[in-house]
């Protein structure tokens, strides 16, 4: 029994190391937009209802199903993203919010490692945190400002001109604004509406990144 247990532990250890460190790459443009929209709506709900474990599980599902990450690596990246979200959520000022940046950056570095086409993970992480911060502060910012950041972030990840992500950004911002509008009165039907907006948003992005850029 001791030998069997030791063998199992060794196998598990090797599996985890292989899962995390053996290079695996895929085309991150190849995803199911409706599934991403559904998962994102669920993640938003977990965040607002302060359910970190459920959020990490949803992130892990997203990373494994859409980015085709190995099992243990998906949990590693899911933890980084979930940790970033709740470090930020507990923040009170910009200095506190900045503490989430290392986790966001390590998350995007991990996604970059999975991508056939590299992207500037540091730049993307900074834009992601900026999006979170202006969403939190709101004062002095307009929906157009939020859309601009989302377009810039998508452009950096997929190397496509930012203006082509206008529909994606508008729909995603509309979903977030509706979530803010409903506040504590939000209902199941409200979450369903948010999910539909996010499905449309990711469908628009999927179309952009899988359609060749027009030639002038």
N, C-alpha and C. Protein backbone atom coordinates (compact mmCIF):
# COMPACT_ATOMS: atom_id res chain seq x y z
N UNK A 1 0.82 -1.21 0.00
CA UNK A 1 0.00 0.00 0.00
C UNK A 1 0.86 1.26 0.00
N UNK A 2 1.97 1.21 0.74
CA UNK A 2 2.86 2.37 0.79
C UNK A 2 3.47 2.62 -0.59
N UNK A 3 3.88 1.50 -1.28
CA UNK A 3 4.46 1.65 -2.60
C UNK A 3 3.43 2.19 -3.60
N UNK A 4 2.20 1.70 -3.49
CA UNK A 4 1.14 2.19 -4.38
C UNK A 4 0.88 3.67 -4.15
N UNK A 5 0.82 4.06 -2.88
CA UNK A 5 0.59 5.47 -2.55
C UNK A 5 1.73 6.34 -3.06
N UNK A 6 2.98 5.86 -2.85
CA UNK A 6 4.14 6.62 -3.30
C UNK A 6 4.14 6.75 -4.82
N UNK A 7 3.77 5.64 -5.50
CA UNK A 7 3.71 5.68 -6.95
C UNK A 7 2.67 6.65 -7.45
N UNK A 8 1.52 6.68 -6.76
CA UNK A 8 0.46 7.60 -7.15
C UNK A 8 0.90 9.05 -6.97
N UNK A 9 1.55 9.34 -5.84
CA UNK A 9 2.03 10.70 -5.58
C UNK A 9 3.04 11.11 -6.63
N UNK A 10 3.95 10.21 -6.98
CA UNK A 10 4.96 10.51 -8.01
C UNK A 10 4.29 10.78 -9.35
N UNK A 11 3.31 9.93 -9.70
CA UNK A 11 2.59 10.13 -10.96
C UNK A 11 1.89 11.48 -10.99
N UNK A 12 1.23 11.82 -9.88
CA UNK A 12 0.51 13.09 -9.80
C UNK A 12 1.48 14.26 -9.94
N UNK A 13 2.62 14.16 -9.28
CA UNK A 13 3.63 15.22 -9.32
C UNK A 13 4.13 15.43 -10.75
N UNK A 14 4.45 14.33 -11.42
CA UNK A 14 4.94 14.42 -12.80
C UNK A 14 3.86 14.96 -13.72
N UNK A 15 2.63 14.53 -13.52
CA UNK A 15 1.51 15.01 -14.34
C UNK A 15 1.34 16.52 -14.19
N UNK A 16 1.37 16.99 -12.96
CA UNK A 16 1.20 18.43 -12.72
C UNK A 16 2.31 19.22 -13.40
N UNK A 17 3.57 18.77 -13.22
CA UNK A 17 4.69 19.48 -13.83
C UNK A 17 4.58 19.49 -15.35
N UNK A 18 4.23 18.33 -15.91
CA UNK A 18 4.10 18.24 -17.36
C UNK A 18 2.98 19.15 -17.85
N UNK A 19 1.86 19.14 -17.14
CA UNK A 19 0.71 19.97 -17.51
C UNK A 19 1.07 21.45 -17.54
N UNK A 20 1.86 21.86 -16.58
CA UNK A 20 2.17 23.29 -16.42
C UNK A 20 3.29 23.74 -17.35
N UNK A 21 4.29 22.90 -17.55
CA UNK A 21 5.51 23.36 -18.21
C UNK A 21 5.71 22.88 -19.64
N UNK A 22 5.10 21.79 -20.06
CA UNK A 22 5.27 21.36 -21.45
C UNK A 22 4.53 22.34 -22.36
N UNK A 23 5.20 22.88 -23.38
CA UNK A 23 4.56 23.87 -24.25
C UNK A 23 3.32 23.31 -24.97
N UNK A 24 2.24 24.07 -24.90
CA UNK A 24 0.99 23.75 -25.61
C UNK A 24 0.48 25.05 -26.21
N UNK A 25 0.23 25.03 -27.52
CA UNK A 25 -0.24 26.25 -28.16
C UNK A 25 -1.44 25.96 -29.05
N UNK A 26 -2.31 26.96 -29.16
CA UNK A 26 -3.48 26.83 -30.03
C UNK A 26 -3.86 28.21 -30.55
N UNK A 27 -4.78 28.23 -31.49
CA UNK A 27 -5.26 29.48 -32.06
C UNK A 27 -6.36 30.05 -31.15
N UNK A 28 -6.04 31.10 -30.41
CA UNK A 28 -7.01 31.63 -29.45
C UNK A 28 -8.16 32.36 -30.14
N UNK A 29 -8.09 32.54 -31.45
CA UNK A 29 -9.23 33.10 -32.19
C UNK A 29 -10.33 32.05 -32.36
N UNK A 30 -9.98 30.82 -32.17
CA UNK A 30 -10.91 29.72 -32.38
C UNK A 30 -11.62 29.38 -31.07
N UNK A 31 -12.73 30.05 -30.81
CA UNK A 31 -13.48 29.83 -29.57
C UNK A 31 -14.97 29.85 -29.90
N UNK A 32 -15.76 29.39 -28.94
CA UNK A 32 -17.22 29.38 -29.09
C UNK A 32 -17.79 30.64 -28.44
N UNK A 33 -18.19 31.64 -29.22
CA UNK A 33 -18.57 32.93 -28.64
C UNK A 33 -19.75 32.88 -27.69
N UNK A 34 -20.75 32.06 -28.00
CA UNK A 34 -21.90 31.99 -27.10
C UNK A 34 -21.52 31.38 -25.75
N UNK A 35 -20.66 30.37 -25.79
CA UNK A 35 -20.22 29.76 -24.54
C UNK A 35 -19.40 30.74 -23.72
N UNK A 36 -18.56 31.53 -24.40
CA UNK A 36 -17.78 32.55 -23.69
C UNK A 36 -18.70 33.57 -23.04
N UNK A 37 -19.72 34.01 -23.78
CA UNK A 37 -20.68 34.96 -23.22
C UNK A 37 -21.40 34.41 -22.00
N UNK A 38 -21.80 33.16 -22.06
CA UNK A 38 -22.46 32.52 -20.92
C UNK A 38 -21.53 32.43 -19.72
N UNK A 39 -20.29 32.03 -19.98
CA UNK A 39 -19.33 31.90 -18.88
C UNK A 39 -19.01 33.26 -18.27
N UNK A 40 -18.87 34.28 -19.13
CA UNK A 40 -18.56 35.60 -18.60
C UNK A 40 -19.70 36.13 -17.74
N UNK A 41 -20.93 35.94 -18.18
CA UNK A 41 -22.07 36.38 -17.38
C UNK A 41 -22.06 35.68 -16.03
N UNK A 42 -21.75 34.40 -16.02
CA UNK A 42 -21.66 33.67 -14.76
C UNK A 42 -20.53 34.18 -13.88
N UNK A 43 -19.43 34.55 -14.50
CA UNK A 43 -18.29 35.07 -13.72
C UNK A 43 -18.61 36.44 -13.13
N UNK A 44 -19.30 37.27 -13.91
CA UNK A 44 -19.72 38.56 -13.35
C UNK A 44 -20.61 38.33 -12.13
N UNK A 45 -21.51 37.41 -12.24
CA UNK A 45 -22.42 37.15 -11.12
C UNK A 45 -21.66 36.64 -9.90
N UNK A 46 -20.71 35.75 -10.10
CA UNK A 46 -19.91 35.24 -8.98
C UNK A 46 -19.13 36.36 -8.32
N UNK A 47 -18.61 37.28 -9.12
CA UNK A 47 -17.86 38.41 -8.59
C UNK A 47 -18.75 39.29 -7.72
N UNK A 48 -19.91 39.66 -8.24
CA UNK A 48 -20.78 40.56 -7.49
C UNK A 48 -21.40 39.89 -6.27
N UNK A 49 -21.58 38.59 -6.35
CA UNK A 49 -22.13 37.87 -5.19
C UNK A 49 -21.02 37.38 -4.26
N UNK A 50 -19.79 37.76 -4.54
CA UNK A 50 -18.62 37.42 -3.73
C UNK A 50 -18.53 35.90 -3.51
N UNK A 51 -18.35 35.19 -4.60
CA UNK A 51 -18.16 33.74 -4.56
C UNK A 51 -16.86 33.40 -5.28
N UNK A 52 -15.73 33.58 -4.62
CA UNK A 52 -14.43 33.41 -5.29
C UNK A 52 -14.17 32.00 -5.80
N UNK A 53 -14.57 30.99 -5.05
CA UNK A 53 -14.31 29.63 -5.49
C UNK A 53 -15.09 29.30 -6.76
N UNK A 54 -16.35 29.75 -6.80
CA UNK A 54 -17.14 29.52 -8.00
C UNK A 54 -16.55 30.27 -9.18
N UNK A 55 -16.06 31.49 -8.92
CA UNK A 55 -15.46 32.29 -9.99
C UNK A 55 -14.22 31.59 -10.54
N UNK A 56 -13.37 31.09 -9.66
CA UNK A 56 -12.16 30.39 -10.12
C UNK A 56 -12.54 29.16 -10.94
N UNK A 57 -13.55 28.42 -10.51
CA UNK A 57 -14.01 27.27 -11.27
C UNK A 57 -14.50 27.65 -12.66
N UNK A 58 -15.22 28.76 -12.75
CA UNK A 58 -15.73 29.22 -14.04
C UNK A 58 -14.58 29.69 -14.94
N UNK A 59 -13.61 30.37 -14.35
CA UNK A 59 -12.44 30.79 -15.10
C UNK A 59 -11.68 29.58 -15.63
N UNK A 60 -11.54 28.57 -14.78
CA UNK A 60 -10.84 27.35 -15.18
C UNK A 60 -11.55 26.69 -16.35
N UNK A 61 -12.87 26.65 -16.30
CA UNK A 61 -13.67 26.08 -17.38
C UNK A 61 -13.44 26.85 -18.67
N UNK A 62 -13.45 28.18 -18.58
CA UNK A 62 -13.23 29.03 -19.75
C UNK A 62 -11.85 28.79 -20.35
N UNK A 63 -10.83 28.77 -19.52
CA UNK A 63 -9.45 28.62 -19.99
C UNK A 63 -9.23 27.26 -20.62
N UNK A 64 -9.83 26.24 -20.05
CA UNK A 64 -9.64 24.89 -20.57
C UNK A 64 -10.45 24.67 -21.85
N UNK A 65 -11.70 25.16 -21.87
CA UNK A 65 -12.56 24.88 -23.02
C UNK A 65 -12.28 25.80 -24.20
N UNK A 66 -11.90 27.06 -23.94
CA UNK A 66 -11.73 28.01 -25.03
C UNK A 66 -10.28 28.21 -25.44
N UNK A 67 -9.35 28.13 -24.50
CA UNK A 67 -7.93 28.28 -24.82
C UNK A 67 -7.20 26.94 -24.86
N UNK A 68 -7.95 25.88 -24.57
CA UNK A 68 -7.42 24.51 -24.64
C UNK A 68 -6.18 24.32 -23.77
N UNK A 69 -6.22 24.90 -22.58
CA UNK A 69 -5.13 24.73 -21.62
C UNK A 69 -5.19 23.34 -21.00
N UNK A 70 -4.03 22.75 -20.67
CA UNK A 70 -4.03 21.49 -19.93
C UNK A 70 -4.73 21.66 -18.58
N UNK A 71 -5.14 20.56 -17.99
CA UNK A 71 -5.98 20.58 -16.81
C UNK A 71 -5.39 21.42 -15.67
N UNK A 72 -4.19 21.07 -15.23
CA UNK A 72 -3.62 21.76 -14.07
C UNK A 72 -3.24 23.20 -14.39
N UNK A 73 -2.82 23.44 -15.62
CA UNK A 73 -2.49 24.82 -15.98
C UNK A 73 -3.75 25.69 -15.97
N UNK A 74 -4.87 25.11 -16.36
CA UNK A 74 -6.11 25.88 -16.33
C UNK A 74 -6.45 26.32 -14.91
N UNK A 75 -6.18 25.46 -13.93
CA UNK A 75 -6.44 25.84 -12.54
C UNK A 75 -5.43 26.89 -12.07
N UNK A 76 -4.20 26.78 -12.50
CA UNK A 76 -3.19 27.78 -12.15
C UNK A 76 -3.60 29.15 -12.67
N UNK A 77 -3.99 29.21 -13.94
CA UNK A 77 -4.39 30.49 -14.53
C UNK A 77 -5.71 30.98 -13.97
N UNK A 78 -6.63 30.06 -13.71
CA UNK A 78 -7.90 30.46 -13.11
C UNK A 78 -7.71 31.08 -11.74
N UNK A 79 -6.78 30.52 -10.96
CA UNK A 79 -6.49 31.09 -9.64
C UNK A 79 -5.93 32.51 -9.78
N UNK A 80 -5.00 32.70 -10.71
CA UNK A 80 -4.40 34.03 -10.88
C UNK A 80 -5.47 35.07 -11.21
N UNK A 81 -6.35 34.73 -12.15
CA UNK A 81 -7.39 35.68 -12.55
C UNK A 81 -8.39 35.92 -11.41
N UNK A 82 -8.78 34.86 -10.72
CA UNK A 82 -9.71 35.00 -9.61
C UNK A 82 -9.11 35.81 -8.47
N UNK A 83 -7.84 35.56 -8.18
CA UNK A 83 -7.14 36.32 -7.14
C UNK A 83 -7.09 37.80 -7.50
N UNK A 84 -6.78 38.09 -8.76
CA UNK A 84 -6.74 39.49 -9.21
C UNK A 84 -8.09 40.16 -8.99
N UNK A 85 -9.17 39.46 -9.34
CA UNK A 85 -10.51 40.04 -9.23
C UNK A 85 -10.85 40.42 -7.79
N UNK A 86 -10.51 39.56 -6.84
CA UNK A 86 -10.92 39.84 -5.47
C UNK A 86 -9.92 40.72 -4.72
N UNK A 87 -8.67 40.74 -5.15
CA UNK A 87 -7.75 41.76 -4.64
C UNK A 87 -8.27 43.13 -5.04
N UNK A 88 -8.69 43.24 -6.29
CA UNK A 88 -9.23 44.50 -6.77
C UNK A 88 -10.53 44.84 -6.06
N UNK A 89 -11.40 43.87 -5.90
CA UNK A 89 -12.72 44.12 -5.30
C UNK A 89 -12.58 44.67 -3.89
N UNK A 90 -11.58 44.20 -3.16
CA UNK A 90 -11.38 44.64 -1.79
C UNK A 90 -10.62 45.96 -1.69
N UNK A 91 -10.16 46.48 -2.83
CA UNK A 91 -9.40 47.73 -2.82
C UNK A 91 -10.26 48.94 -2.53
N UNK A 92 -9.63 49.97 -1.98
CA UNK A 92 -10.33 51.20 -1.63
C UNK A 92 -9.84 52.40 -2.43
N UNK A 93 -8.68 52.29 -3.04
CA UNK A 93 -8.10 53.41 -3.78
C UNK A 93 -7.18 52.86 -4.88
N UNK A 94 -6.60 53.76 -5.66
CA UNK A 94 -5.80 53.33 -6.79
C UNK A 94 -4.56 52.55 -6.36
N UNK A 95 -3.99 52.88 -5.21
CA UNK A 95 -2.85 52.13 -4.71
C UNK A 95 -3.24 50.69 -4.40
N UNK A 96 -4.42 50.51 -3.84
CA UNK A 96 -4.92 49.16 -3.57
C UNK A 96 -5.20 48.41 -4.88
N UNK A 97 -5.84 49.12 -5.83
CA UNK A 97 -6.18 48.47 -7.09
C UNK A 97 -4.94 47.96 -7.82
N UNK A 98 -3.85 48.72 -7.70
CA UNK A 98 -2.61 48.35 -8.40
C UNK A 98 -2.06 47.01 -7.91
N UNK A 99 -2.45 46.59 -6.71
CA UNK A 99 -1.96 45.31 -6.19
C UNK A 99 -2.49 44.13 -7.00
N UNK A 100 -3.54 44.36 -7.77
CA UNK A 100 -4.07 43.28 -8.61
C UNK A 100 -3.26 43.09 -9.88
N UNK A 101 -2.47 44.09 -10.26
CA UNK A 101 -1.78 44.05 -11.55
C UNK A 101 -0.84 42.85 -11.71
N UNK A 102 -0.03 42.49 -10.71
CA UNK A 102 0.86 41.32 -10.91
C UNK A 102 0.09 40.04 -11.24
N UNK A 103 -1.07 39.85 -10.61
CA UNK A 103 -1.87 38.65 -10.89
C UNK A 103 -2.45 38.71 -12.29
N UNK A 104 -2.93 39.91 -12.70
CA UNK A 104 -3.47 40.06 -14.06
C UNK A 104 -2.38 39.80 -15.08
N UNK A 105 -1.20 40.35 -14.83
CA UNK A 105 -0.12 40.17 -15.80
C UNK A 105 0.31 38.71 -15.91
N UNK A 106 0.40 38.03 -14.79
CA UNK A 106 0.78 36.62 -14.84
C UNK A 106 -0.29 35.79 -15.54
N UNK A 107 -1.53 36.19 -15.38
CA UNK A 107 -2.61 35.50 -16.09
C UNK A 107 -2.43 35.66 -17.60
N UNK A 108 -2.24 36.89 -18.06
CA UNK A 108 -2.11 37.11 -19.50
C UNK A 108 -0.79 36.54 -20.05
N UNK A 109 0.23 36.51 -19.24
CA UNK A 109 1.45 35.82 -19.67
C UNK A 109 1.16 34.35 -19.92
N UNK A 110 0.35 33.75 -19.06
CA UNK A 110 -0.03 32.35 -19.24
C UNK A 110 -0.86 32.14 -20.49
N UNK A 111 -1.79 33.06 -20.77
CA UNK A 111 -2.59 32.96 -22.00
C UNK A 111 -1.69 33.15 -23.22
N UNK A 112 -0.74 34.08 -23.12
CA UNK A 112 0.20 34.29 -24.22
C UNK A 112 1.02 33.03 -24.51
N UNK A 113 1.38 32.32 -23.44
CA UNK A 113 2.12 31.07 -23.61
C UNK A 113 1.29 30.01 -24.34
N UNK A 114 -0.04 30.11 -24.26
CA UNK A 114 -0.91 29.15 -24.93
C UNK A 114 -1.24 29.55 -26.37
N UNK A 115 -0.95 30.79 -26.72
CA UNK A 115 -1.37 31.33 -28.00
C UNK A 115 -0.34 31.07 -29.10
N UNK A 116 -0.82 30.63 -30.26
CA UNK A 116 0.06 30.47 -31.41
C UNK A 116 0.64 31.80 -31.85
N UNK A 117 -0.14 32.86 -31.68
CA UNK A 117 0.31 34.20 -32.06
C UNK A 117 0.58 35.02 -30.80
N UNK A 118 1.82 35.43 -30.57
CA UNK A 118 2.14 36.15 -29.34
C UNK A 118 1.50 37.54 -29.29
N UNK A 119 1.27 38.02 -28.09
CA UNK A 119 0.77 39.38 -27.90
C UNK A 119 1.46 39.99 -26.68
N UNK A 120 1.45 41.32 -26.54
CA UNK A 120 2.14 41.98 -25.42
C UNK A 120 1.35 41.85 -24.12
N UNK A 121 1.67 40.84 -23.34
CA UNK A 121 0.89 40.53 -22.13
C UNK A 121 0.90 41.69 -21.14
N UNK A 122 2.04 42.38 -21.01
CA UNK A 122 2.12 43.49 -20.07
C UNK A 122 1.18 44.62 -20.46
N UNK A 123 1.13 44.95 -21.75
CA UNK A 123 0.25 46.02 -22.22
C UNK A 123 -1.21 45.62 -22.01
N UNK A 124 -1.55 44.38 -22.33
CA UNK A 124 -2.93 43.92 -22.17
C UNK A 124 -3.34 43.95 -20.70
N UNK A 125 -2.45 43.52 -19.81
CA UNK A 125 -2.76 43.53 -18.37
C UNK A 125 -3.00 44.95 -17.87
N UNK A 126 -2.20 45.90 -18.33
CA UNK A 126 -2.35 47.29 -17.91
C UNK A 126 -3.70 47.85 -18.39
N UNK A 127 -4.09 47.51 -19.61
CA UNK A 127 -5.38 47.96 -20.13
C UNK A 127 -6.54 47.32 -19.36
N UNK A 128 -6.38 46.05 -19.02
CA UNK A 128 -7.42 45.37 -18.25
C UNK A 128 -7.62 46.04 -16.89
N UNK A 129 -6.53 46.35 -16.21
CA UNK A 129 -6.65 47.02 -14.91
C UNK A 129 -7.26 48.41 -15.08
N UNK A 130 -6.88 49.11 -16.14
CA UNK A 130 -7.43 50.44 -16.38
C UNK A 130 -8.94 50.36 -16.57
N UNK A 131 -9.38 49.33 -17.32
CA UNK A 131 -10.82 49.10 -17.52
C UNK A 131 -11.50 48.87 -16.19
N UNK A 132 -10.92 48.06 -15.33
CA UNK A 132 -11.51 47.78 -14.02
C UNK A 132 -11.60 49.07 -13.20
N UNK A 133 -10.53 49.88 -13.24
CA UNK A 133 -10.46 51.08 -12.40
C UNK A 133 -11.50 52.12 -12.80
N UNK A 134 -11.64 52.35 -14.11
CA UNK A 134 -12.62 53.37 -14.49
C UNK A 134 -14.03 52.84 -14.31
N UNK A 135 -14.19 51.52 -14.36
CA UNK A 135 -15.49 50.94 -14.05
C UNK A 135 -15.84 51.16 -12.58
N UNK A 136 -14.83 51.11 -11.72
CA UNK A 136 -15.06 51.30 -10.29
C UNK A 136 -15.31 52.77 -9.99
N UNK A 137 -14.51 53.64 -10.57
CA UNK A 137 -14.56 55.06 -10.19
C UNK A 137 -15.70 55.81 -10.89
N UNK A 138 -15.89 55.55 -12.17
CA UNK A 138 -16.99 56.11 -12.98
C UNK A 138 -16.90 57.61 -13.17
N UNK A 139 -16.67 58.38 -12.08
CA UNK A 139 -16.71 59.84 -12.17
C UNK A 139 -15.70 60.35 -13.21
N UNK A 140 -16.20 61.18 -14.11
CA UNK A 140 -15.33 61.75 -15.12
C UNK A 140 -15.16 60.88 -16.35
N UNK A 141 -15.74 59.69 -16.33
CA UNK A 141 -15.61 58.79 -17.47
C UNK A 141 -16.99 58.55 -18.09
N UNK A 142 -16.96 58.36 -19.39
CA UNK A 142 -18.20 58.08 -20.13
C UNK A 142 -18.12 56.69 -20.74
N UNK A 143 -19.27 56.13 -21.14
CA UNK A 143 -19.24 54.81 -21.78
C UNK A 143 -18.27 54.73 -22.95
N UNK A 144 -18.14 55.83 -23.69
CA UNK A 144 -17.20 55.84 -24.81
C UNK A 144 -15.76 55.60 -24.37
N UNK A 145 -15.41 56.07 -23.17
CA UNK A 145 -14.06 55.83 -22.64
C UNK A 145 -13.86 54.36 -22.34
N UNK A 146 -14.89 53.72 -21.79
CA UNK A 146 -14.80 52.29 -21.49
C UNK A 146 -14.66 51.49 -22.79
N UNK A 147 -15.44 51.91 -23.79
CA UNK A 147 -15.37 51.22 -25.08
C UNK A 147 -13.98 51.34 -25.70
N UNK A 148 -13.38 52.51 -25.58
CA UNK A 148 -12.05 52.72 -26.15
C UNK A 148 -11.03 51.76 -25.56
N UNK A 149 -11.07 51.60 -24.24
CA UNK A 149 -10.12 50.69 -23.60
C UNK A 149 -10.36 49.25 -24.05
N UNK A 150 -11.60 48.84 -24.12
CA UNK A 150 -11.90 47.48 -24.57
C UNK A 150 -11.43 47.25 -26.00
N UNK A 151 -11.60 48.24 -26.86
CA UNK A 151 -11.13 48.11 -28.24
C UNK A 151 -9.61 48.03 -28.29
N UNK A 152 -8.94 48.84 -27.48
CA UNK A 152 -7.48 48.81 -27.45
C UNK A 152 -6.96 47.46 -26.95
N UNK A 153 -7.62 46.91 -25.94
CA UNK A 153 -7.20 45.63 -25.39
C UNK A 153 -7.38 44.51 -26.40
N UNK A 154 -8.52 44.46 -27.06
CA UNK A 154 -8.77 43.44 -28.07
C UNK A 154 -7.79 43.58 -29.23
N UNK A 155 -7.50 44.82 -29.60
CA UNK A 155 -6.55 45.07 -30.68
C UNK A 155 -5.16 44.54 -30.33
N UNK A 156 -4.75 44.73 -29.08
CA UNK A 156 -3.43 44.27 -28.65
C UNK A 156 -3.35 42.74 -28.64
N UNK A 157 -4.43 42.09 -28.24
CA UNK A 157 -4.42 40.62 -28.17
C UNK A 157 -4.43 39.99 -29.56
N UNK A 158 -5.27 40.51 -30.46
CA UNK A 158 -5.49 39.85 -31.74
C UNK A 158 -4.79 40.53 -32.92
N UNK A 159 -4.11 41.65 -32.64
CA UNK A 159 -3.37 42.36 -33.70
C UNK A 159 -4.28 42.74 -34.87
N UNK A 160 -5.41 43.30 -34.51
CA UNK A 160 -6.42 43.78 -35.46
C UNK A 160 -6.70 45.24 -35.10
N UNK A 161 -6.91 46.13 -36.09
CA UNK A 161 -7.17 47.54 -35.77
C UNK A 161 -8.31 47.70 -34.75
N UNK A 162 -8.10 48.60 -33.80
CA UNK A 162 -9.03 48.76 -32.68
C UNK A 162 -10.44 49.11 -33.14
N UNK A 163 -10.56 49.91 -34.20
CA UNK A 163 -11.89 50.37 -34.60
C UNK A 163 -12.79 49.22 -35.06
N UNK A 164 -12.21 48.09 -35.40
CA UNK A 164 -13.03 46.97 -35.85
C UNK A 164 -13.76 46.27 -34.69
N UNK A 165 -13.39 46.61 -33.46
CA UNK A 165 -14.02 46.00 -32.29
C UNK A 165 -15.12 46.86 -31.70
N UNK A 166 -15.63 47.82 -32.47
CA UNK A 166 -16.62 48.76 -31.95
C UNK A 166 -17.88 48.06 -31.44
N UNK A 167 -18.43 47.15 -32.22
CA UNK A 167 -19.66 46.47 -31.82
C UNK A 167 -19.44 45.63 -30.57
N UNK A 168 -18.34 44.91 -30.53
CA UNK A 168 -18.00 44.10 -29.35
C UNK A 168 -17.94 44.97 -28.11
N UNK A 169 -17.24 46.10 -28.20
CA UNK A 169 -17.06 46.98 -27.05
C UNK A 169 -18.38 47.59 -26.61
N UNK A 170 -19.18 48.05 -27.57
CA UNK A 170 -20.46 48.68 -27.23
C UNK A 170 -21.38 47.70 -26.50
N UNK A 171 -21.48 46.49 -26.99
CA UNK A 171 -22.37 45.50 -26.36
C UNK A 171 -21.88 45.12 -24.98
N UNK A 172 -20.57 44.99 -24.81
CA UNK A 172 -20.04 44.61 -23.50
C UNK A 172 -20.25 45.72 -22.48
N UNK A 173 -20.05 46.96 -22.92
CA UNK A 173 -20.29 48.10 -22.03
C UNK A 173 -21.77 48.22 -21.70
N UNK A 174 -22.63 47.96 -22.68
CA UNK A 174 -24.07 48.00 -22.42
C UNK A 174 -24.45 46.98 -21.36
N UNK A 175 -23.85 45.79 -21.44
CA UNK A 175 -24.13 44.76 -20.44
C UNK A 175 -23.70 45.22 -19.05
N UNK A 176 -22.54 45.83 -18.96
CA UNK A 176 -22.07 46.28 -17.65
C UNK A 176 -22.90 47.44 -17.12
N UNK A 177 -23.28 48.35 -17.99
CA UNK A 177 -24.11 49.47 -17.54
C UNK A 177 -25.47 48.99 -17.05
N UNK A 178 -26.01 47.98 -17.72
CA UNK A 178 -27.29 47.43 -17.27
C UNK A 178 -27.14 46.77 -15.91
N UNK A 179 -26.02 46.08 -15.72
CA UNK A 179 -25.75 45.46 -14.41
C UNK A 179 -25.69 46.54 -13.32
N UNK A 180 -25.04 47.64 -13.62
CA UNK A 180 -24.96 48.75 -12.65
C UNK A 180 -26.34 49.33 -12.38
N UNK A 181 -27.13 49.49 -13.43
CA UNK A 181 -28.47 50.09 -13.31
C UNK A 181 -29.37 49.25 -12.41
N UNK A 182 -29.28 47.94 -12.54
CA UNK A 182 -30.14 47.07 -11.74
C UNK A 182 -29.67 46.96 -10.29
N UNK A 183 -28.38 47.05 -10.06
CA UNK A 183 -27.85 47.06 -8.70
C UNK A 183 -28.32 45.88 -7.87
N UNK A 184 -28.75 46.16 -6.65
CA UNK A 184 -29.19 45.10 -5.74
C UNK A 184 -30.55 44.51 -6.12
N UNK A 185 -31.24 45.18 -7.05
CA UNK A 185 -32.55 44.70 -7.47
C UNK A 185 -32.47 43.72 -8.64
N UNK A 186 -31.28 43.32 -9.00
CA UNK A 186 -31.09 42.47 -10.17
C UNK A 186 -31.80 41.12 -9.98
N UNK A 187 -32.40 40.62 -11.07
CA UNK A 187 -33.19 39.39 -11.03
C UNK A 187 -32.59 38.36 -11.99
N UNK A 188 -33.17 37.16 -11.96
CA UNK A 188 -32.73 36.11 -12.88
C UNK A 188 -32.92 36.54 -14.33
N UNK A 189 -34.04 37.19 -14.62
CA UNK A 189 -34.27 37.63 -16.00
C UNK A 189 -33.27 38.71 -16.41
N UNK A 190 -32.84 39.54 -15.45
CA UNK A 190 -31.81 40.54 -15.73
C UNK A 190 -30.49 39.86 -16.11
N UNK A 191 -30.12 38.85 -15.34
CA UNK A 191 -28.88 38.13 -15.64
C UNK A 191 -28.98 37.45 -17.01
N UNK A 192 -30.16 36.97 -17.35
CA UNK A 192 -30.33 36.36 -18.67
C UNK A 192 -30.14 37.39 -19.76
N UNK A 193 -30.64 38.58 -19.56
CA UNK A 193 -30.47 39.65 -20.54
C UNK A 193 -28.99 40.01 -20.68
N UNK A 194 -28.29 40.11 -19.56
CA UNK A 194 -26.85 40.39 -19.58
C UNK A 194 -26.11 39.29 -20.35
N UNK A 195 -26.49 38.06 -20.09
CA UNK A 195 -25.87 36.93 -20.80
C UNK A 195 -26.09 37.04 -22.30
N UNK A 196 -27.29 37.44 -22.72
CA UNK A 196 -27.58 37.59 -24.15
C UNK A 196 -26.72 38.69 -24.77
N UNK A 197 -26.56 39.81 -24.05
CA UNK A 197 -25.71 40.89 -24.56
C UNK A 197 -24.26 40.43 -24.70
N UNK A 198 -23.79 39.68 -23.73
CA UNK A 198 -22.41 39.21 -23.78
C UNK A 198 -22.21 38.17 -24.88
N UNK A 199 -23.20 37.33 -25.11
CA UNK A 199 -23.13 36.39 -26.22
C UNK A 199 -23.00 37.16 -27.54
N UNK A 200 -23.81 38.21 -27.70
CA UNK A 200 -23.75 39.02 -28.91
C UNK A 200 -22.39 39.72 -29.03
N UNK A 201 -21.88 40.18 -27.89
CA UNK A 201 -20.59 40.88 -27.90
C UNK A 201 -19.46 39.96 -28.36
N UNK A 202 -19.40 38.77 -27.80
CA UNK A 202 -18.33 37.85 -28.17
C UNK A 202 -18.54 37.28 -29.56
N UNK A 203 -19.77 37.20 -30.02
CA UNK A 203 -20.03 36.79 -31.41
C UNK A 203 -19.48 37.83 -32.38
N UNK A 204 -19.66 39.11 -32.03
CA UNK A 204 -19.12 40.20 -32.86
C UNK A 204 -17.60 40.14 -32.90
N UNK A 205 -16.97 39.91 -31.74
CA UNK A 205 -15.51 39.81 -31.71
C UNK A 205 -15.03 38.61 -32.51
N UNK A 206 -15.71 37.48 -32.36
CA UNK A 206 -15.32 36.27 -33.08
C UNK A 206 -15.36 36.52 -34.60
N UNK A 207 -16.36 37.21 -35.05
CA UNK A 207 -16.47 37.51 -36.48
C UNK A 207 -15.31 38.37 -36.94
N UNK A 208 -14.95 39.36 -36.14
CA UNK A 208 -13.85 40.26 -36.51
C UNK A 208 -12.52 39.51 -36.62
N UNK A 209 -12.20 38.73 -35.61
CA UNK A 209 -10.87 38.10 -35.58
C UNK A 209 -10.75 36.93 -36.54
N UNK A 210 -11.88 36.45 -37.06
CA UNK A 210 -11.85 35.35 -38.02
C UNK A 210 -12.20 35.78 -39.43
N UNK A 211 -12.24 37.10 -39.65
CA UNK A 211 -12.48 37.67 -40.97
C UNK A 211 -11.23 38.43 -41.40
N UNK A 212 -10.67 38.16 -42.56
CA UNK A 212 -9.46 38.89 -43.00
C UNK A 212 -9.70 40.38 -43.03
N UNK A 213 -8.68 41.13 -42.67
CA UNK A 213 -8.77 42.59 -42.72
C UNK A 213 -8.93 43.05 -44.16
N UNK A 214 -9.78 44.05 -44.40
CA UNK A 214 -9.93 44.54 -45.76
C UNK A 214 -8.63 45.12 -46.30
N UNK A 215 -8.38 44.89 -47.56
CA UNK A 215 -7.17 45.39 -48.21
C UNK A 215 -7.48 46.71 -48.89
N UNK A 216 -6.68 47.72 -48.57
CA UNK A 216 -6.91 49.03 -49.17
C UNK A 216 -6.43 49.05 -50.64
